[in-house]
Amino acid sequence: ARWTRLWHKSPRYECINRIDTKILQRAFIKLTTTFPKRLTGLYIALRTQHIPLHKYLHRIGKERSPHCPHCPGTDETVPHLLLDCPQYRHERHAMIIALGREATSIAFLLSDPAATSHLVRYINTTGRFKNTIG
């Protein structure tokens, strides 16, 4: 009970709760139980937005600008990478063809088992994390 109260007061709670209200419950554990460690790490990094994108790297002092290298003036965030960046529109189109309209929902992409293989394929084909996550 005490931990739950502290968690609800955390600034990270709101950010993570927007993606999946059950992140620390059985649904997330069930989703990731068969994942290799690297994939589980990727999911957690995407959900918490502690992933090597310019917005996060800028916040921790590892990048000069929070902006997307392809979209001047737009912060490179998880939603931008997954839903908006024009650099990856062809890769995103393949994911949308496979998943339909639901592929435009961050919550769906990061919490529904049906999206897992398509999201991983999208991430791999963008090559965005090749040097850092693999």
Protein backbone atom coordinates (compact mmCIF):
# COMPACT_ATOMS: atom_id res chain seq x y z
CA ALA A 1 0.00 0.00 0.00
CA ARG A 2 2.79 2.44 0.88
CA TRP A 3 4.66 1.68 -2.33
CA THR A 4 1.48 2.19 -4.36
CA ARG A 5 0.94 5.63 -2.80
CA LEU A 6 4.53 6.63 -3.54
CA TRP A 7 4.26 5.33 -7.10
CA HIS A 8 1.08 7.34 -7.74
CA LYS A 9 2.89 10.51 -6.59
CA SER A 10 5.90 9.85 -8.84
CA PRO A 11 6.33 12.07 -11.92
CA ARG A 12 6.93 8.91 -13.96
CA TYR A 13 3.54 7.47 -13.00
CA GLU A 14 1.59 9.83 -15.27
CA CYS A 15 3.87 9.22 -18.27
CA ILE A 16 3.80 5.44 -17.96
CA ASN A 17 0.13 5.30 -17.00
CA ARG A 18 -0.79 7.00 -20.30
CA ILE A 19 0.68 4.04 -22.15
CA ASP A 20 -0.53 1.19 -20.00
CA THR A 21 -2.33 1.33 -16.67
CA LYS A 22 -1.25 -2.24 -16.00
CA ILE A 23 2.49 -1.90 -16.62
CA LEU A 24 3.44 -3.21 -13.21
CA GLN A 25 0.66 -5.76 -13.08
CA ARG A 26 0.21 -9.23 -14.49
CA ALA A 27 -0.74 -8.08 -18.00
CA PHE A 28 2.74 -6.67 -18.65
CA ILE A 29 4.46 -9.62 -17.02
CA LYS A 30 2.35 -12.00 -19.12
CA LEU A 31 3.17 -10.02 -22.28
CA THR A 32 6.92 -10.13 -21.66
CA THR A 33 7.28 -13.55 -20.04
CA THR A 34 8.45 -15.23 -23.25
CA PHE A 35 10.50 -12.28 -24.51
CA PRO A 36 14.28 -12.41 -24.61
CA LYS A 37 15.86 -9.96 -22.15
CA ARG A 38 16.79 -7.54 -24.93
CA LEU A 39 13.18 -7.29 -26.13
CA THR A 40 11.86 -6.83 -22.59
CA GLY A 41 14.45 -4.08 -22.12
CA LEU A 42 13.34 -2.44 -25.36
CA TYR A 43 9.68 -2.49 -24.25
CA ILE A 44 10.52 -0.99 -20.86
CA ALA A 45 12.74 1.66 -22.47
CA LEU A 46 10.00 2.60 -24.96
CA ARG A 47 7.34 2.73 -22.23
CA THR A 48 9.42 4.82 -19.84
CA GLN A 49 10.88 6.90 -22.68
CA HIS A 50 14.36 6.21 -21.31
CA ILE A 51 15.61 5.21 -24.71
CA PRO A 52 18.43 6.66 -26.82
CA LEU A 53 16.34 9.22 -28.68
CA HIS A 54 17.45 12.84 -28.83
CA LYS A 55 14.89 14.15 -26.30
CA TYR A 56 16.09 11.75 -23.60
CA LEU A 57 19.77 12.04 -24.54
CA HIS A 58 19.50 15.84 -24.39
CA ARG A 59 17.87 15.63 -20.96
CA ILE A 60 20.79 13.59 -19.57
CA GLY A 61 23.37 15.81 -21.26
CA LYS A 62 24.50 13.40 -23.99
CA GLU A 63 23.03 15.27 -26.96
CA ARG A 64 23.13 18.98 -27.82
CA SER A 65 19.54 19.18 -29.04
CA PRO A 66 16.31 17.31 -28.23
CA HIS A 67 15.19 17.64 -31.85
CA CYS A 68 14.80 14.81 -34.32
CA PRO A 69 17.73 14.69 -36.77
CA HIS A 70 15.19 14.46 -39.62
CA CYS A 71 12.58 16.95 -38.37
CA PRO A 72 14.05 20.32 -37.32
CA GLY A 73 12.10 21.86 -34.46
CA THR A 74 10.39 18.62 -33.46
CA ASP A 75 11.55 16.73 -30.38
CA GLU A 76 12.60 13.15 -31.04
CA THR A 77 10.37 11.22 -28.66
CA VAL A 78 8.89 7.73 -28.65
CA PRO A 79 5.55 8.93 -30.10
CA HIS A 80 7.41 10.90 -32.78
CA LEU A 81 9.53 7.88 -33.74
CA LEU A 82 6.65 5.40 -33.77
CA LEU A 83 3.87 7.55 -35.23
CA ASP A 84 5.07 10.71 -36.92
CA CYS A 85 8.64 10.90 -38.21
CA PRO A 86 8.53 11.18 -42.02
CA GLN A 87 11.95 9.53 -42.26
CA TYR A 88 10.34 6.20 -41.35
CA ARG A 89 7.02 6.51 -43.21
CA HIS A 90 7.68 3.48 -45.43
CA GLU A 91 8.55 1.27 -42.46
CA ARG A 92 5.52 2.63 -40.57
CA HIS A 93 3.26 2.01 -43.56
CA ALA A 94 4.12 -1.71 -43.47
CA MET A 95 3.20 -1.80 -39.77
CA ILE A 96 -0.09 0.02 -40.41
CA ILE A 97 -0.96 -2.37 -43.26
CA ALA A 98 -0.42 -5.31 -40.90
CA LEU A 99 -2.14 -3.87 -37.81
CA GLY A 100 -4.68 -1.45 -39.24
CA ARG A 101 -5.77 1.73 -37.51
CA GLU A 102 -4.65 0.41 -34.13
CA ALA A 103 -1.04 0.89 -35.28
CA THR A 104 -1.54 4.61 -34.66
CA SER A 105 -1.96 4.04 -30.91
CA ILE A 106 1.11 4.04 -28.67
CA ALA A 107 -0.82 2.16 -26.00
CA PHE A 108 -1.72 -0.59 -28.48
CA LEU A 109 1.80 -0.86 -29.90
CA LEU A 110 3.40 -1.14 -26.48
CA SER A 111 0.89 -3.36 -24.71
CA ASP A 112 -0.95 -5.63 -27.13
CA PRO A 113 0.65 -9.00 -27.92
CA ALA A 114 -0.66 -8.78 -31.50
CA ALA A 115 1.56 -5.74 -32.10
CA THR A 116 4.81 -7.20 -30.77
CA SER A 117 6.25 -8.79 -33.89
CA HIS A 118 5.23 -5.84 -36.07
CA LEU A 119 6.67 -3.28 -33.65
CA VAL A 120 9.96 -5.20 -33.43
CA ARG A 121 10.11 -5.44 -37.23
CA TYR A 122 9.46 -1.69 -37.49
CA ILE A 123 12.18 -0.86 -34.94
CA ASN A 124 14.65 -3.18 -36.68
CA THR A 125 13.96 -1.88 -40.18
CA THR A 126 14.38 1.75 -39.08
CA GLY A 127 17.84 0.86 -37.78
CA ARG A 128 17.38 3.63 -35.21
CA PHE A 129 18.79 1.63 -32.27
CA LYS A 130 21.23 -0.58 -34.14
CA ASN A 131 24.29 0.98 -32.46
CA THR A 132 22.84 1.12 -28.96
CA ILE A 133 20.33 -1.67 -28.38
CA GLY A 134 21.18 -3.98 -31.23
